[in-house]
Amino acid sequence: MSAATVKEGFLIAVNPQKVTMSAEEVCSKLKPIVETINCADVVEKLAKKTDPYEELARQVDADKAKAIEDLAIEGLTLYKDRWRIYPGGNLASHVIGFLGYKGNDFGGRYGLEHQYEALLDREDSSVYVNFFAEIFSNINNTIIKGESLKGDIITTIEPTTQDYLEKSLEKVQKEWYAESVGGIIINPRNGEIYAMALTPSFDPNNFRIEQEVKVFSNDVVENVREMGSIIKPLTMAAAIDLGIADAKTTYDDKGSITMNNYTMYNFDRKGRGVVTMQQALGESLNTGFIHLSQKMGHDNMRKYFTDFGLGERTGIDLPNEAKGIIGNLN
């Protein structure tokens, strides 16, 4: 599946100095063919009699361009145009990003479009000539067949998995009235990312309709969140490596532990008596891992969590990756 590609067509431009009919008449002829043309915009641009070049529309399909050419409007010219399209629409939009303007500069904005802008060759003769071929996974053996990959990138994103994740996140967002929900599906053996999504998402083909620029940011990469209960198996792994606990190690679960005048509870505030660490891990009991951290001591906790790389960036090839905040370990 192609995540992003290039489409060819035309742009409409006029030389106000050579247009002989009124701006209203020009618009009345163009509007039935290109619905996006704004008549007020046409009037404003044709009024610039000292300007030899004004653009009226971009990304005009070839069939519409032929109809416009047949109008034979004096002073109007059609130029070849190329632009990026995203066949999947919203699918993996936070991973892909889009091409767009920032001030007068045209280039990759967000996601892979930004990260690999230098690789996704753009010819000097036209900012619209960009080659971004099949980036989704499982393409190499079925499509490329030995051809050069210059200007192309292929990712590990699997479209069916990506679609499943996005629909699942949408359900969670609606059920819990969340402002946003993010998720990643990853191969734990090698780190390959099969899906990465965030809600709300956006359509890179129509990114201009978005009211808030923050919708384009990939929060699961660019922001920091508390780790929650995933910290428990990491604590258990450190304890096993130190030889101070294993699955059968027991402790007395009283349902809460008070430290520094602050009381921390299990999720249900219930004690279970003498339980194994296997049970503590299975039921995500906070008391069990407070118990382990006390046995390990501050120095060991700091060393292991630092060695796990929690305070470092992963090096994912997406822009603006944040790194974990672990200053409290000191």
Protein backbone atom coordinates (compact mmCIF):
# COMPACT_ATOMS: atom_id res chain seq x y z
CA MET A 1 0.00 0.00 0.00
CA SER A 2 1.32 3.42 -0.94
CA ALA A 3 1.19 5.84 1.99
CA ALA A 4 2.14 8.87 -0.07
CA THR A 5 2.69 9.48 -3.74
CA VAL A 6 2.75 12.21 -6.37
CA LYS A 7 -0.13 13.22 -8.62
CA GLU A 8 0.21 15.23 -11.81
CA GLY A 9 -2.09 17.97 -13.01
CA PHE A 10 -2.13 21.70 -13.59
CA LEU A 11 -2.29 25.06 -11.89
CA ILE A 12 -4.28 28.00 -13.23
CA ALA A 13 -2.58 31.38 -13.47
CA VAL A 14 -3.52 34.68 -15.05
CA ASN A 15 -1.76 37.78 -16.29
CA PRO A 16 -4.10 40.58 -15.16
CA GLN A 17 -2.55 42.85 -17.78
CA LYS A 18 -3.81 40.63 -20.61
CA VAL A 19 -7.25 39.60 -19.34
CA THR A 20 -9.89 41.32 -21.48
CA MET A 21 -13.12 40.17 -19.82
CA SER A 22 -14.32 41.19 -16.36
CA ALA A 23 -13.25 39.32 -13.24
CA GLU A 24 -16.87 38.32 -12.62
CA GLU A 25 -17.12 36.83 -16.09
CA VAL A 26 -13.83 34.95 -15.64
CA CYS A 27 -15.10 33.48 -12.39
CA SER A 28 -18.47 32.56 -13.86
CA LYS A 29 -16.69 30.51 -16.53
CA LEU A 30 -14.18 28.83 -14.18
CA LYS A 31 -16.41 28.13 -11.18
CA PRO A 32 -18.50 25.33 -12.80
CA ILE A 33 -15.27 23.49 -13.63
CA VAL A 34 -13.20 24.20 -10.51
CA GLU A 35 -15.58 24.54 -7.57
CA THR A 36 -12.83 25.62 -5.15
CA ILE A 37 -12.21 28.88 -7.00
CA ASN A 38 -13.19 31.87 -4.88
CA CYS A 39 -14.77 34.68 -6.90
CA ALA A 40 -13.74 37.38 -4.44
CA ASP A 41 -10.18 36.10 -4.76
CA VAL A 42 -10.39 36.26 -8.56
CA VAL A 43 -11.67 39.86 -8.43
CA GLU A 44 -8.84 40.87 -6.08
CA LYS A 45 -6.12 39.27 -8.19
CA LEU A 46 -7.34 40.53 -11.56
CA ALA A 47 -7.36 44.04 -10.12
CA LYS A 48 -3.54 43.90 -9.84
CA LYS A 49 -2.89 45.37 -13.29
CA THR A 50 0.82 45.88 -12.59
CA ASP A 51 1.33 42.20 -11.70
CA PRO A 52 1.97 39.85 -14.66
CA TYR A 53 1.33 36.63 -12.71
CA GLU A 54 -1.37 35.60 -10.24
CA GLU A 55 -2.36 32.05 -9.34
CA LEU A 56 -6.07 31.22 -9.19
CA ALA A 57 -6.03 27.47 -8.42
CA ARG A 58 -3.69 24.54 -7.88
CA GLN A 59 -4.05 20.80 -8.17
CA VAL A 60 -6.41 20.85 -11.15
CA ASP A 61 -6.98 17.46 -12.79
CA ALA A 62 -6.12 16.99 -16.44
CA ASP A 63 -9.74 16.61 -17.59
CA LYS A 64 -10.72 19.88 -15.89
CA ALA A 65 -7.64 21.56 -17.33
CA LYS A 66 -8.75 20.56 -20.83
CA ALA A 67 -12.18 22.09 -20.21
CA ILE A 68 -10.54 25.31 -18.99
CA GLU A 69 -8.25 25.39 -22.02
CA ASP A 70 -11.29 25.12 -24.28
CA LEU A 71 -12.67 28.31 -22.72
CA ALA A 72 -9.81 30.21 -24.42
CA ILE A 73 -9.78 32.97 -21.80
CA GLU A 74 -7.23 35.53 -22.89
CA GLY A 75 -4.50 36.07 -20.27
CA LEU A 76 -5.15 32.73 -18.56
CA THR A 77 -2.46 30.05 -18.65
CA LEU A 78 -2.25 26.44 -17.47
CA TYR A 79 1.05 25.18 -16.03
CA LYS A 80 1.99 21.61 -15.25
CA ASP A 81 1.81 20.89 -11.53
CA ARG A 82 2.75 17.98 -9.27
CA TRP A 83 1.64 17.51 -5.71
CA ARG A 84 1.65 14.97 -2.91
CA ILE A 85 -1.42 12.86 -2.23
CA TYR A 86 -2.01 10.47 0.66
CA PRO A 87 -4.21 7.55 -0.49
CA GLY A 88 -4.84 6.33 3.06
CA GLY A 89 -6.34 9.63 4.22
CA ASN A 90 -6.16 9.72 8.01
CA LEU A 91 -4.40 6.35 8.19
CA ALA A 92 -1.07 6.75 10.04
CA SER A 93 -1.23 10.52 9.52
CA HIS A 94 0.84 11.26 12.63
CA VAL A 95 3.56 8.92 11.35
CA ILE A 96 3.55 10.22 7.78
CA GLY A 97 3.10 13.98 8.26
CA PHE A 98 2.62 16.07 5.12
CA LEU A 99 4.20 18.51 2.70
CA GLY A 100 3.24 22.13 3.21
CA TYR A 101 4.32 25.71 3.57
CA LYS A 102 5.82 27.31 6.65
CA GLY A 103 5.92 30.96 5.71
CA ASN A 104 7.45 30.96 2.22
CA ASP A 105 9.31 27.68 2.73
CA PHE A 106 7.78 24.53 1.26
CA GLY A 107 8.81 21.17 2.67
CA GLY A 108 8.09 18.23 4.93
CA ARG A 109 6.05 19.09 7.99
CA TYR A 110 5.83 16.59 10.83
CA GLY A 111 6.37 12.83 10.73
CA LEU A 112 8.38 11.01 8.10
CA GLU A 113 7.88 13.81 5.59
CA HIS A 114 9.95 16.04 7.86
CA GLN A 115 12.40 13.42 9.11
CA TYR A 116 13.35 12.15 5.64
CA GLU A 117 12.90 15.32 3.61
CA ALA A 118 16.48 15.18 2.29
CA LEU A 119 16.01 11.56 1.15
CA LEU A 120 12.63 12.12 -0.47
CA ASP A 121 14.24 13.90 -3.40
CA ARG A 122 12.73 17.19 -4.53
CA GLU A 123 14.12 18.63 -7.76
CA ASP A 124 15.29 22.24 -7.71
CA SER A 125 13.15 23.01 -10.75
CA SER A 126 9.91 22.43 -8.88
CA VAL A 127 9.04 22.21 -5.21
CA TYR A 128 6.25 19.84 -6.18
CA VAL A 129 8.48 17.13 -7.58
CA ASN A 130 8.75 14.80 -4.60
CA PHE A 131 9.08 11.06 -4.76
CA PHE A 132 7.67 9.24 -1.77
CA ALA A 133 6.88 5.71 -2.87
CA GLU A 134 5.63 2.73 -0.96
CA ILE A 135 6.41 3.38 2.72
CA PHE A 136 4.25 0.73 4.32
CA SER A 137 5.73 -2.67 5.16
CA ASN A 138 5.89 -5.85 3.06
CA ILE A 139 6.48 -3.86 -0.13
CA ASN A 140 10.08 -4.70 -0.89
CA ASN A 141 9.53 -8.27 -2.06
CA THR A 142 6.28 -7.64 -3.93
CA ILE A 143 6.74 -4.26 -5.61
CA ILE A 144 10.34 -3.13 -5.72
CA LYS A 145 11.90 -6.29 -7.23
CA GLY A 146 15.45 -5.03 -7.36
CA GLU A 147 14.70 -1.46 -8.38
CA SER A 148 16.60 1.36 -6.76
CA LEU A 149 15.10 2.65 -3.52
CA LYS A 150 16.56 6.14 -3.98
CA GLY A 151 13.98 8.65 -2.85
CA ASP A 152 11.76 5.97 -1.35
CA ILE A 153 11.35 4.82 2.23
CA ILE A 154 9.73 1.67 3.53
CA THR A 155 8.53 1.40 7.11
CA THR A 156 7.45 -1.43 9.38
CA ILE A 157 3.94 0.04 9.64
CA GLU A 158 1.41 -2.66 8.69
CA PRO A 159 -1.78 -1.04 7.30
CA THR A 160 -4.30 -3.57 8.66
CA THR A 161 -2.77 -3.40 12.13
CA GLN A 162 -2.63 0.39 11.91
CA ASP A 163 -6.32 0.55 10.98
CA TYR A 164 -7.24 -1.77 13.87
CA LEU A 165 -5.30 0.36 16.36
CA GLU A 166 -6.85 3.61 15.15
CA LYS A 167 -10.40 2.25 15.39
CA SER A 168 -9.67 0.85 18.86
CA LEU A 169 -8.34 4.21 20.06
CA GLU A 170 -11.41 5.99 18.72
CA LYS A 171 -13.64 3.66 20.76
CA VAL A 172 -11.61 4.31 23.90
CA GLN A 173 -11.76 8.06 23.35
CA LYS A 174 -15.55 8.02 22.96
CA GLU A 175 -16.10 5.69 25.91
CA TRP A 176 -13.98 7.69 28.34
CA TYR A 177 -14.49 11.19 26.88
CA ALA A 178 -10.71 11.55 26.59
CA GLU A 179 -9.12 14.65 25.10
CA SER A 180 -6.70 12.40 23.22
CA VAL A 181 -5.65 8.74 23.17
CA GLY A 182 -2.44 7.28 21.78
CA GLY A 183 -1.03 3.83 21.24
CA ILE A 184 1.82 1.85 19.70
CA ILE A 185 1.93 -1.79 18.61
CA ILE A 186 5.54 -2.94 18.72
CA ASN A 187 7.47 -6.16 18.21
CA PRO A 188 9.22 -6.56 21.59
CA ARG A 189 11.92 -8.76 20.10
CA ASN A 190 13.36 -6.25 17.67
CA GLY A 191 11.57 -2.95 18.27
CA GLU A 192 9.75 -2.86 14.92
CA ILE A 193 6.68 -0.65 15.12
CA TYR A 194 3.68 -2.17 13.34
CA ALA A 195 1.26 0.61 14.26
CA MET A 196 1.38 4.03 15.91
CA ALA A 197 -1.66 6.24 16.27
CA LEU A 198 -3.13 9.17 18.12
CA THR A 199 -6.65 10.56 18.35
CA PRO A 200 -7.84 12.93 17.16
CA SER A 201 -6.08 12.42 13.82
CA PHE A 202 -6.14 14.44 10.61
CA ASP A 203 -6.24 13.96 6.84
CA PRO A 204 -2.90 15.09 5.34
CA ASN A 205 -4.72 15.72 2.05
CA ASN A 206 -6.83 18.40 3.77
CA PHE A 207 -4.65 19.53 6.67
CA ARG A 208 -5.62 23.18 6.07
CA ILE A 209 -9.08 22.59 7.54
CA GLU A 210 -7.68 21.90 11.02
CA GLN A 211 -8.29 24.70 13.51
CA GLU A 212 -5.50 23.84 15.97
CA VAL A 213 -1.92 23.14 14.95
CA LYS A 214 -1.40 20.81 17.93
CA VAL A 215 -3.43 18.11 16.17
CA PHE A 216 -0.41 17.51 13.90
CA SER A 217 2.04 16.73 16.74
CA ASN A 218 2.74 13.08 17.47
CA ASP A 219 2.23 13.09 21.23
CA VAL A 220 3.30 9.48 21.72
CA VAL A 221 6.78 10.48 20.50
CA GLU A 222 7.04 14.17 21.36
CA ASN A 223 5.56 14.20 24.85
CA VAL A 224 6.28 12.55 28.20
CA ARG A 225 3.82 10.51 30.27
CA GLU A 226 4.03 8.74 33.60
CA MET A 227 4.80 5.11 32.96
CA GLY A 228 2.12 3.69 35.23
CA SER A 229 2.13 -0.02 36.02
CA ILE A 230 4.64 -0.97 33.33
CA ILE A 231 7.20 0.18 35.91
CA LYS A 232 6.34 -2.94 37.94
CA PRO A 233 7.76 -5.61 35.59
CA LEU A 234 10.86 -3.44 35.19
CA THR A 235 11.25 -3.34 38.97
CA MET A 236 10.73 -7.10 39.08
CA ALA A 237 13.35 -7.63 36.37
CA ALA A 238 15.89 -5.64 38.40
CA ALA A 239 15.08 -7.63 41.54
CA ILE A 240 15.51 -10.93 39.69
CA ASP A 241 18.82 -9.77 38.23
CA LEU A 242 20.03 -8.77 41.71
CA GLY A 243 18.99 -12.17 43.06
CA ILE A 244 16.78 -10.73 45.81
CA ALA A 245 13.45 -12.04 44.49
CA ASP A 246 11.82 -14.46 42.07
CA ALA A 247 8.28 -15.53 41.19
CA LYS A 248 7.86 -17.49 44.45
CA THR A 249 9.21 -14.79 46.79
CA THR A 250 6.51 -13.76 49.28
CA TYR A 251 5.62 -10.65 51.27
CA ASP A 252 2.78 -9.59 53.57
CA ASP A 253 0.34 -7.47 51.61
CA LYS A 254 -1.51 -5.17 54.02
CA GLY A 255 -3.15 -3.16 51.23
CA SER A 256 -1.09 -0.01 51.83
CA ILE A 257 2.32 1.27 52.83
CA THR A 258 3.08 4.66 54.45
CA MET A 259 6.37 6.38 53.65
CA ASN A 260 7.36 9.99 54.39
CA ASN A 261 3.88 10.64 55.77
CA TYR A 262 2.30 9.59 52.47
CA THR A 263 0.16 6.44 52.22
CA MET A 264 0.17 4.42 48.99
CA TYR A 265 -2.54 1.83 48.35
CA ASN A 266 -3.29 -1.08 46.08
CA PHE A 267 -5.77 -0.23 43.31
CA ASP A 268 -8.67 -1.62 45.41
CA ARG A 269 -7.22 -0.56 48.81
CA LYS A 270 -7.42 -4.21 49.94
CA GLY A 271 -4.75 -6.34 51.60
CA ARG A 272 -4.32 -9.97 50.59
CA GLY A 273 -2.04 -11.26 53.32
CA VAL A 274 1.00 -13.32 52.35
CA VAL A 275 1.24 -13.42 48.54
CA THR A 276 3.93 -14.29 46.00
CA MET A 277 5.56 -11.79 43.70
CA GLN A 278 3.96 -13.67 40.82
CA GLN A 279 0.55 -12.80 42.28
CA ALA A 280 1.66 -9.23 42.95
CA LEU A 281 2.69 -8.88 39.32
CA GLY A 282 -0.45 -10.57 38.01
CA GLU A 283 -2.74 -8.35 40.08
CA SER A 284 -0.56 -5.23 39.75
CA LEU A 285 -0.27 -4.75 43.52
CA ASN A 286 1.49 -1.50 44.38
CA THR A 287 2.57 -2.78 47.78
CA GLY A 288 4.59 -5.62 46.23
CA PHE A 289 6.79 -3.32 44.22
CA ILE A 290 7.24 -0.80 46.99
CA HIS A 291 8.42 -3.80 49.01
CA LEU A 292 10.89 -4.77 46.25
CA SER A 293 12.21 -1.22 45.86
CA GLN A 294 12.89 -1.05 49.61
CA LYS A 295 14.84 -4.30 49.41
CA MET A 296 16.87 -3.08 46.42
CA GLY A 297 17.69 0.34 47.88
CA HIS A 298 18.05 3.71 46.20
CA ASP A 299 21.40 3.08 44.51
CA ASN A 300 20.28 -0.11 42.80
CA MET A 301 16.96 1.42 41.71
CA ARG A 302 18.79 4.36 40.18
CA LYS A 303 21.36 2.16 38.44
CA TYR A 304 18.88 -0.26 36.90
CA PHE A 305 16.37 2.33 35.76
CA THR A 306 19.17 4.39 34.23
CA ASP A 307 20.65 1.28 32.58
CA PHE A 308 17.20 0.47 31.16
CA GLY A 309 17.56 3.73 29.22
CA LEU A 310 14.50 5.39 30.72
CA GLY A 311 16.18 8.79 30.65
CA GLU A 312 17.33 8.52 27.04
CA ARG A 313 15.74 8.92 23.64
CA THR A 314 15.06 5.69 21.76
CA GLY A 315 16.37 7.09 18.49
CA ILE A 316 13.10 6.47 16.65
CA ASP A 317 13.25 8.07 13.21
CA LEU A 318 10.49 10.58 13.83
CA PRO A 319 11.05 14.25 14.68
CA ASN A 320 11.11 15.90 18.10
CA GLU A 321 11.38 12.78 20.24
CA ALA A 322 11.22 13.58 23.94
CA LYS A 323 13.35 11.75 26.50
CA GLY A 324 12.20 10.35 29.82
CA ILE A 325 12.36 12.47 32.96
CA ILE A 326 14.15 10.50 35.70
CA GLY A 327 15.55 13.32 37.84
CA ASN A 328 13.57 12.04 40.83
CA LEU A 329 15.87 9.01 40.93
CA ASN A 330 18.58 11.36 42.17
